N, C-alpha and C. Protein backbone atom coordinates (compact mmCIF):
# COMPACT_ATOMS: atom_id res chain seq x y z
N UNK A 1 90.89 89.51 102.55
CA UNK A 1 91.76 90.24 103.46
C UNK A 1 92.70 91.18 102.72
N UNK A 2 93.15 90.78 101.55
CA UNK A 2 94.06 91.61 100.78
C UNK A 2 93.39 92.93 100.43
N UNK A 3 92.13 92.89 100.12
CA UNK A 3 91.41 94.10 99.72
C UNK A 3 91.33 95.10 100.85
N UNK A 4 91.31 94.63 102.10
CA UNK A 4 91.26 95.54 103.25
C UNK A 4 92.48 96.44 103.32
N UNK A 5 93.60 95.98 102.76
CA UNK A 5 94.84 96.75 102.75
C UNK A 5 94.67 98.04 101.95
N UNK A 6 93.77 98.03 100.99
CA UNK A 6 93.59 99.16 100.08
C UNK A 6 92.37 100.00 100.43
N UNK A 7 92.09 100.12 101.73
CA UNK A 7 90.92 100.86 102.18
C UNK A 7 90.94 102.32 101.73
N UNK A 8 92.12 102.90 101.56
CA UNK A 8 92.20 104.31 101.15
C UNK A 8 92.32 104.46 99.63
N UNK A 9 92.16 103.38 98.90
CA UNK A 9 92.24 103.40 97.44
C UNK A 9 90.89 102.97 96.85
N UNK A 10 90.67 103.30 95.61
CA UNK A 10 89.48 102.83 94.92
C UNK A 10 89.81 101.46 94.33
N UNK A 11 89.09 100.43 94.77
CA UNK A 11 89.33 99.07 94.31
C UNK A 11 88.22 98.69 93.33
N UNK A 12 88.66 98.27 92.14
CA UNK A 12 87.74 97.86 91.09
C UNK A 12 88.10 96.45 90.68
N UNK A 13 87.12 95.56 90.64
CA UNK A 13 87.34 94.20 90.17
C UNK A 13 86.92 94.17 88.71
N UNK A 14 87.85 93.80 87.87
CA UNK A 14 87.67 93.80 86.42
C UNK A 14 88.07 92.42 85.94
N UNK A 15 87.11 91.62 85.50
CA UNK A 15 87.40 90.23 85.20
C UNK A 15 86.64 89.73 83.98
N UNK A 16 87.18 88.73 83.37
CA UNK A 16 86.50 88.05 82.27
C UNK A 16 85.54 87.00 82.77
N UNK A 17 85.61 86.71 84.07
CA UNK A 17 84.71 85.71 84.65
C UNK A 17 83.26 86.18 84.57
N UNK A 18 82.37 85.22 84.68
CA UNK A 18 80.95 85.54 84.60
C UNK A 18 80.45 86.13 85.91
N UNK A 19 79.30 86.77 85.84
CA UNK A 19 78.70 87.49 86.96
C UNK A 19 78.60 86.65 88.23
N UNK A 20 78.18 85.40 88.12
CA UNK A 20 77.98 84.55 89.29
C UNK A 20 79.30 84.27 90.02
N UNK A 21 80.41 84.26 89.27
CA UNK A 21 81.71 83.94 89.86
C UNK A 21 82.30 85.10 90.67
N UNK A 22 81.80 86.30 90.50
CA UNK A 22 82.38 87.46 91.18
C UNK A 22 81.43 88.11 92.18
N UNK A 23 80.35 87.44 92.47
CA UNK A 23 79.35 88.01 93.37
C UNK A 23 79.93 88.34 94.74
N UNK A 24 80.88 87.54 95.22
CA UNK A 24 81.48 87.78 96.54
C UNK A 24 82.19 89.13 96.61
N UNK A 25 82.70 89.62 95.48
CA UNK A 25 83.37 90.91 95.47
C UNK A 25 82.39 92.07 95.62
N UNK A 26 81.18 91.89 95.11
CA UNK A 26 80.16 92.94 95.24
C UNK A 26 79.81 93.18 96.70
N UNK A 27 79.93 92.17 97.52
CA UNK A 27 79.60 92.26 98.94
C UNK A 27 80.72 92.88 99.77
N UNK A 28 81.93 92.90 99.23
CA UNK A 28 83.09 93.36 100.00
C UNK A 28 83.06 94.88 100.14
N UNK A 29 83.24 95.40 101.36
CA UNK A 29 83.16 96.85 101.57
C UNK A 29 84.29 97.64 100.90
N UNK A 30 85.43 97.03 100.61
CA UNK A 30 86.55 97.75 100.00
C UNK A 30 86.40 97.88 98.49
N UNK A 31 85.50 97.10 97.89
CA UNK A 31 85.33 97.09 96.44
C UNK A 31 84.24 98.08 96.04
N UNK A 32 84.62 99.03 95.19
CA UNK A 32 83.65 100.05 94.75
C UNK A 32 82.90 99.64 93.49
N UNK A 33 83.59 98.97 92.56
CA UNK A 33 82.96 98.57 91.31
C UNK A 33 83.37 97.15 90.97
N UNK A 34 82.45 96.40 90.36
CA UNK A 34 82.76 95.06 89.85
C UNK A 34 82.28 95.01 88.41
N UNK A 35 83.21 94.68 87.51
CA UNK A 35 82.89 94.51 86.10
C UNK A 35 83.19 93.06 85.74
N UNK A 36 82.17 92.29 85.39
CA UNK A 36 82.34 90.88 85.06
C UNK A 36 82.12 90.66 83.57
N UNK A 37 82.69 89.57 83.05
CA UNK A 37 82.52 89.22 81.64
C UNK A 37 83.17 90.20 80.69
N UNK A 38 84.26 90.83 81.12
CA UNK A 38 84.91 91.86 80.32
C UNK A 38 86.00 91.21 79.46
N UNK A 39 85.95 91.40 78.14
CA UNK A 39 87.01 90.85 77.27
C UNK A 39 88.28 91.69 77.41
N UNK A 40 89.43 91.19 76.92
CA UNK A 40 90.69 91.92 77.06
C UNK A 40 90.65 93.36 76.57
N UNK A 41 90.04 93.62 75.41
CA UNK A 41 90.00 95.01 74.92
C UNK A 41 89.10 95.88 75.79
N UNK A 42 88.08 95.28 76.40
CA UNK A 42 87.24 96.02 77.34
C UNK A 42 87.98 96.36 78.62
N UNK A 43 88.89 95.48 79.02
CA UNK A 43 89.70 95.76 80.20
C UNK A 43 90.60 96.97 79.95
N UNK A 44 91.19 97.03 78.76
CA UNK A 44 92.06 98.16 78.41
C UNK A 44 91.25 99.45 78.44
N UNK A 45 90.07 99.43 77.86
CA UNK A 45 89.22 100.64 77.82
C UNK A 45 88.85 101.08 79.24
N UNK A 46 88.56 100.12 80.09
CA UNK A 46 88.19 100.45 81.48
C UNK A 46 89.38 101.02 82.23
N UNK A 47 90.55 100.43 82.04
CA UNK A 47 91.77 100.95 82.67
C UNK A 47 92.02 102.39 82.22
N UNK A 48 91.87 102.63 80.93
CA UNK A 48 92.09 103.98 80.40
C UNK A 48 91.08 104.97 80.97
N UNK A 49 89.84 104.52 81.17
CA UNK A 49 88.81 105.39 81.75
C UNK A 49 89.19 105.78 83.18
N UNK A 50 89.63 104.81 83.97
CA UNK A 50 90.02 105.10 85.35
C UNK A 50 91.32 105.89 85.42
N UNK A 51 92.21 105.71 84.44
CA UNK A 51 93.48 106.42 84.41
C UNK A 51 93.27 107.93 84.25
N UNK A 52 92.15 108.32 83.67
CA UNK A 52 91.87 109.75 83.50
C UNK A 52 91.67 110.45 84.84
N UNK A 53 91.33 109.68 85.88
CA UNK A 53 91.09 110.30 87.19
C UNK A 53 92.18 109.99 88.22
N UNK A 54 93.24 109.29 87.82
CA UNK A 54 94.32 109.02 88.77
C UNK A 54 95.18 107.86 88.34
N UNK A 55 96.11 107.51 89.20
CA UNK A 55 97.04 106.42 88.94
C UNK A 55 96.30 105.08 89.02
N UNK A 56 96.61 104.19 88.09
CA UNK A 56 95.96 102.88 88.08
C UNK A 56 96.98 101.77 88.25
N UNK A 57 96.54 100.72 88.92
CA UNK A 57 97.34 99.50 89.04
C UNK A 57 96.43 98.35 88.63
N UNK A 58 96.97 97.45 87.85
CA UNK A 58 96.21 96.30 87.38
C UNK A 58 96.93 95.04 87.83
N UNK A 59 96.18 94.13 88.43
CA UNK A 59 96.71 92.83 88.81
C UNK A 59 96.05 91.80 87.91
N UNK A 60 96.87 91.05 87.18
CA UNK A 60 96.33 90.06 86.26
C UNK A 60 96.97 88.71 86.45
N UNK A 61 96.19 87.67 86.13
CA UNK A 61 96.71 86.32 86.32
C UNK A 61 96.69 85.49 85.04
N UNK A 62 96.46 86.12 83.92
CA UNK A 62 96.43 85.35 82.69
C UNK A 62 96.97 86.14 81.52
N UNK A 63 97.28 85.44 80.44
CA UNK A 63 97.83 86.11 79.27
C UNK A 63 96.81 87.05 78.63
N UNK A 64 95.51 86.78 78.85
CA UNK A 64 94.50 87.69 78.31
C UNK A 64 94.49 89.03 79.06
N UNK A 65 95.18 89.12 80.17
CA UNK A 65 95.29 90.37 80.92
C UNK A 65 96.45 91.23 80.45
N UNK A 66 97.29 90.71 79.57
CA UNK A 66 98.49 91.43 79.14
C UNK A 66 98.20 92.83 78.60
N UNK A 67 97.21 93.01 77.72
CA UNK A 67 96.96 94.38 77.24
C UNK A 67 96.58 95.36 78.35
N UNK A 68 95.78 94.90 79.32
CA UNK A 68 95.38 95.77 80.43
C UNK A 68 96.56 96.04 81.36
N UNK A 69 97.41 95.04 81.56
CA UNK A 69 98.60 95.25 82.39
C UNK A 69 99.49 96.32 81.77
N UNK A 70 99.61 96.29 80.46
CA UNK A 70 100.41 97.28 79.76
C UNK A 70 99.77 98.67 79.78
N UNK A 71 98.45 98.73 79.82
CA UNK A 71 97.75 100.02 79.81
C UNK A 71 97.75 100.70 81.17
N UNK A 72 97.87 99.93 82.24
CA UNK A 72 97.85 100.49 83.59
C UNK A 72 99.18 101.18 83.90
N UNK A 73 99.14 102.10 84.86
CA UNK A 73 100.38 102.76 85.29
C UNK A 73 101.32 101.75 85.92
N UNK A 74 100.76 100.80 86.67
CA UNK A 74 101.53 99.71 87.27
C UNK A 74 100.82 98.41 86.95
N UNK A 75 101.51 97.53 86.25
CA UNK A 75 100.96 96.22 85.92
C UNK A 75 101.62 95.16 86.78
N UNK A 76 100.80 94.35 87.45
CA UNK A 76 101.32 93.30 88.34
C UNK A 76 100.79 91.96 87.84
N UNK A 77 101.69 91.13 87.36
CA UNK A 77 101.31 89.80 86.87
C UNK A 77 101.52 88.78 87.99
N UNK A 78 100.60 87.84 88.05
CA UNK A 78 100.69 86.80 89.07
C UNK A 78 101.21 85.52 88.45
N UNK A 79 102.22 84.95 89.09
CA UNK A 79 102.81 83.65 88.73
C UNK A 79 103.40 83.62 87.33
N UNK A 80 103.91 84.75 86.86
CA UNK A 80 104.62 84.77 85.59
C UNK A 80 103.75 84.86 84.36
N UNK A 81 102.43 84.75 84.51
CA UNK A 81 101.55 84.90 83.36
C UNK A 81 101.57 86.36 82.90
N UNK A 82 101.69 86.56 81.63
CA UNK A 82 101.73 87.91 81.03
C UNK A 82 102.88 88.74 81.59
N UNK A 83 103.97 88.09 81.97
CA UNK A 83 105.10 88.78 82.59
C UNK A 83 105.71 89.83 81.67
N UNK A 84 105.67 89.62 80.37
CA UNK A 84 106.27 90.57 79.44
C UNK A 84 105.58 91.92 79.48
N UNK A 85 104.30 91.93 79.78
CA UNK A 85 103.53 93.18 79.77
C UNK A 85 103.50 93.86 81.14
N UNK A 86 103.96 93.17 82.17
CA UNK A 86 103.84 93.68 83.54
C UNK A 86 105.10 94.40 83.99
N UNK A 87 104.90 95.29 84.94
CA UNK A 87 106.04 95.98 85.58
C UNK A 87 106.60 95.14 86.71
N UNK A 88 105.74 94.35 87.35
CA UNK A 88 106.11 93.51 88.48
C UNK A 88 105.51 92.13 88.26
N UNK A 89 106.27 91.09 88.61
CA UNK A 89 105.77 89.73 88.52
C UNK A 89 105.84 89.10 89.90
N UNK A 90 104.71 88.60 90.38
CA UNK A 90 104.67 87.90 91.67
C UNK A 90 104.84 86.41 91.38
N UNK A 91 105.97 85.87 91.76
CA UNK A 91 106.30 84.50 91.41
C UNK A 91 105.50 83.46 92.20
N UNK A 92 105.06 83.81 93.39
CA UNK A 92 104.32 82.86 94.22
C UNK A 92 102.88 82.68 93.76
N UNK A 93 102.37 83.63 93.01
CA UNK A 93 101.02 83.49 92.48
C UNK A 93 99.92 83.72 93.49
N UNK A 94 100.15 84.64 94.41
CA UNK A 94 99.16 84.88 95.46
C UNK A 94 98.81 86.36 95.53
N UNK A 95 97.53 86.66 95.62
CA UNK A 95 97.09 88.04 95.77
C UNK A 95 97.57 88.65 97.09
N UNK A 96 97.87 87.81 98.07
CA UNK A 96 98.31 88.33 99.37
C UNK A 96 99.66 89.03 99.27
N UNK A 97 100.39 88.84 98.16
CA UNK A 97 101.68 89.51 97.98
C UNK A 97 101.55 90.90 97.36
N UNK A 98 100.38 91.26 96.86
CA UNK A 98 100.20 92.54 96.19
C UNK A 98 100.50 93.72 97.12
N UNK A 99 100.05 93.74 98.37
CA UNK A 99 100.40 94.89 99.23
C UNK A 99 101.91 95.07 99.40
N UNK A 100 102.67 93.98 99.37
CA UNK A 100 104.12 94.07 99.49
C UNK A 100 104.74 94.84 98.34
N UNK A 101 104.14 94.74 97.16
CA UNK A 101 104.64 95.48 95.99
C UNK A 101 104.57 96.98 96.28
N UNK A 102 103.45 97.42 96.84
CA UNK A 102 103.28 98.84 97.12
C UNK A 102 104.15 99.30 98.29
N UNK A 103 104.34 98.43 99.28
CA UNK A 103 105.24 98.75 100.39
C UNK A 103 106.68 98.91 99.87
N UNK A 104 107.10 98.00 99.01
CA UNK A 104 108.44 98.06 98.45
C UNK A 104 108.63 99.32 97.59
N UNK A 105 107.63 99.66 96.80
CA UNK A 105 107.72 100.86 95.96
C UNK A 105 107.80 102.12 96.83
N UNK A 106 107.02 102.17 97.90
CA UNK A 106 107.07 103.33 98.80
C UNK A 106 108.42 103.44 99.49
N UNK A 107 108.95 102.30 99.92
CA UNK A 107 110.26 102.29 100.58
C UNK A 107 111.36 102.73 99.62
N UNK A 108 111.29 102.29 98.37
CA UNK A 108 112.29 102.69 97.38
C UNK A 108 112.20 104.19 97.10
N UNK A 109 110.98 104.70 97.00
CA UNK A 109 110.80 106.15 96.78
C UNK A 109 111.38 106.95 97.94
N UNK A 110 111.14 106.48 99.18
CA UNK A 110 111.70 107.14 100.37
C UNK A 110 113.22 107.14 100.32
N UNK A 111 113.81 106.01 99.97
CA UNK A 111 115.26 105.89 99.93
C UNK A 111 115.86 106.81 98.88
N UNK A 112 115.23 106.88 97.73
CA UNK A 112 115.71 107.78 96.68
C UNK A 112 115.68 109.22 97.15
N UNK A 113 114.60 109.61 97.82
CA UNK A 113 114.50 110.98 98.34
C UNK A 113 115.59 111.26 99.38
N UNK A 114 115.87 110.29 100.24
CA UNK A 114 116.95 110.45 101.22
C UNK A 114 118.28 110.69 100.51
N UNK A 115 118.57 109.86 99.52
CA UNK A 115 119.85 109.96 98.81
C UNK A 115 119.97 111.27 98.05
N UNK A 116 118.89 111.69 97.42
CA UNK A 116 118.92 112.98 96.72
C UNK A 116 119.12 114.10 97.73
N UNK A 117 118.50 113.98 98.89
CA UNK A 117 118.68 114.99 99.94
C UNK A 117 120.13 115.12 100.38
N UNK A 118 120.80 113.99 100.60
CA UNK A 118 122.21 114.02 100.98
C UNK A 118 123.06 114.63 99.88
N UNK A 119 122.78 114.24 98.63
CA UNK A 119 123.57 114.76 97.51
C UNK A 119 123.35 116.27 97.35
N UNK A 120 122.11 116.72 97.48
CA UNK A 120 121.83 118.15 97.38
C UNK A 120 122.46 118.93 98.53
N UNK A 121 122.49 118.31 99.68
CA UNK A 121 123.13 118.96 100.83
C UNK A 121 124.59 119.25 100.52
N UNK A 122 125.30 118.27 100.00
CA UNK A 122 126.70 118.48 99.63
C UNK A 122 126.81 119.53 98.53
N UNK A 123 126.03 119.32 97.46
CA UNK A 123 126.13 120.22 96.31
C UNK A 123 125.68 121.64 96.65
N UNK A 124 124.76 121.77 97.58
CA UNK A 124 124.26 123.09 97.93
C UNK A 124 125.11 123.81 98.96
N UNK A 125 125.95 123.08 99.70
CA UNK A 125 126.74 123.72 100.76
C UNK A 125 128.24 123.68 100.45
N UNK A 126 128.78 122.49 100.30
CA UNK A 126 130.24 122.35 100.17
C UNK A 126 130.79 122.96 98.87
N UNK A 127 130.12 122.72 97.76
CA UNK A 127 130.65 123.24 96.49
C UNK A 127 130.65 124.77 96.47
N UNK A 128 129.55 125.44 96.84
CA UNK A 128 129.61 126.91 96.85
C UNK A 128 130.65 127.46 97.83
N UNK A 129 130.79 126.82 99.00
CA UNK A 129 131.79 127.28 99.96
C UNK A 129 133.21 127.11 99.41
N UNK A 130 133.44 126.03 98.70
CA UNK A 130 134.76 125.82 98.10
C UNK A 130 134.98 126.80 96.94
N UNK A 131 133.92 127.07 96.20
CA UNK A 131 134.04 127.98 95.05
C UNK A 131 134.39 129.41 95.47
N UNK A 132 133.88 129.85 96.61
CA UNK A 132 134.18 131.22 97.06
C UNK A 132 135.41 131.27 97.97
N UNK A 133 136.02 130.12 98.20
CA UNK A 133 137.26 130.09 98.97
C UNK A 133 137.09 129.96 100.47
N UNK A 134 135.88 129.78 100.95
CA UNK A 134 135.65 129.61 102.39
C UNK A 134 136.08 128.22 102.85
N UNK A 135 135.90 127.24 101.98
CA UNK A 135 136.24 125.86 102.31
C UNK A 135 137.42 125.43 101.44
N UNK A 136 138.43 124.91 102.07
CA UNK A 136 139.61 124.40 101.37
C UNK A 136 139.15 123.34 100.37
N UNK A 137 139.62 123.38 99.13
CA UNK A 137 139.22 122.39 98.13
C UNK A 137 139.51 120.95 98.56
N UNK A 138 140.53 120.74 99.35
CA UNK A 138 140.82 119.40 99.85
C UNK A 138 139.69 118.92 100.76
N UNK A 139 139.19 119.81 101.63
CA UNK A 139 138.07 119.45 102.50
C UNK A 139 136.79 119.26 101.69
N UNK A 140 136.63 120.05 100.63
CA UNK A 140 135.47 119.89 99.76
C UNK A 140 135.50 118.51 99.09
N UNK A 141 136.70 118.09 98.66
CA UNK A 141 136.84 116.77 98.05
C UNK A 141 136.55 115.67 99.06
N UNK A 142 137.03 115.84 100.28
CA UNK A 142 136.74 114.86 101.34
C UNK A 142 135.25 114.83 101.65
N UNK A 143 134.62 116.00 101.66
CA UNK A 143 133.17 116.06 101.90
C UNK A 143 132.42 115.36 100.77
N UNK A 144 132.90 115.51 99.53
CA UNK A 144 132.26 114.85 98.40
C UNK A 144 132.37 113.33 98.54
N UNK A 145 133.55 112.85 98.93
CA UNK A 145 133.75 111.42 99.13
C UNK A 145 132.85 110.91 100.26
N UNK A 146 132.76 111.67 101.33
CA UNK A 146 131.90 111.28 102.47
C UNK A 146 130.44 111.26 102.05
N UNK A 147 130.02 112.25 101.25
CA UNK A 147 128.65 112.30 100.76
C UNK A 147 128.36 111.08 99.89
N UNK A 148 129.28 110.75 99.01
CA UNK A 148 129.09 109.59 98.14
C UNK A 148 129.03 108.31 98.95
N UNK A 149 129.91 108.20 99.93
CA UNK A 149 129.92 107.02 100.79
C UNK A 149 128.61 106.90 101.57
N UNK A 150 128.11 108.02 102.04
CA UNK A 150 126.84 108.03 102.76
C UNK A 150 125.69 107.58 101.87
N UNK A 151 125.65 108.06 100.64
CA UNK A 151 124.58 107.69 99.70
C UNK A 151 124.67 106.20 99.37
N UNK A 152 125.87 105.71 99.10
CA UNK A 152 126.05 104.29 98.77
C UNK A 152 125.68 103.41 99.97
N UNK A 153 126.11 103.79 101.15
CA UNK A 153 125.77 103.03 102.36
C UNK A 153 124.27 103.03 102.60
N UNK A 154 123.64 104.16 102.41
CA UNK A 154 122.20 104.26 102.59
C UNK A 154 121.47 103.38 101.57
N UNK A 155 121.99 103.31 100.37
CA UNK A 155 121.37 102.50 99.32
C UNK A 155 121.47 101.01 99.61
N UNK A 156 122.50 100.62 100.30
CA UNK A 156 122.71 99.20 100.59
C UNK A 156 121.84 98.67 101.71
N UNK A 157 121.25 99.56 102.50
CA UNK A 157 120.39 99.09 103.59
C UNK A 157 119.14 98.42 103.02
N UNK A 158 118.59 97.43 103.71
CA UNK A 158 117.34 96.80 103.24
C UNK A 158 116.22 97.83 103.17
N UNK A 159 115.41 97.70 102.13
CA UNK A 159 114.29 98.63 101.99
C UNK A 159 113.16 98.32 102.97
N UNK A 160 112.91 97.05 103.18
CA UNK A 160 111.84 96.64 104.09
C UNK A 160 112.45 95.94 105.29
N UNK A 161 111.85 96.14 106.43
CA UNK A 161 112.29 95.49 107.63
C UNK A 161 112.08 93.99 107.52
N UNK A 162 113.04 93.21 107.96
CA UNK A 162 112.92 91.76 107.91
C UNK A 162 112.00 91.23 109.00
N UNK A 163 111.54 92.08 109.89
CA UNK A 163 110.66 91.63 110.97
C UNK A 163 109.21 91.70 110.58
N UNK A 164 108.91 92.17 109.34
CA UNK A 164 107.51 92.23 108.91
C UNK A 164 106.99 90.84 108.69
N UNK A 165 105.69 90.67 108.88
CA UNK A 165 105.08 89.35 108.67
C UNK A 165 104.64 89.20 107.25
């Protein structure tokens, strides 16, 4: 079910497990490629190959995945294994939490853009108006404080809705 979340992404299963252990992934419609029996250095080479065509994310559950987690644009370690090499660590140890990582990253990116927009609005309007004398410097200072307060308040809001399942 987790793989269905990534229907618009290229999903590749890259594992050190033997061919018979990953046969179920070959049948899954969301999985484009399955590489079985891959040693750690082979995982790094495969990640680098896919990185040439776009952003890569690697989900690993063992210390032998650490080099590949470090080579990927986003490394996600499960249950603290190889945590030093990963950008994100899923403490519960479940693949079902992986989509939440991407939801959280998207929400954070949206929030940053909102905050930059508010800051640019102030810097692009109030400062030039104050500089040419159209806006009283006292009002410009108040506008700056209001802009800062707005950005801080916006940053404090939860990134994800608490009503999500």
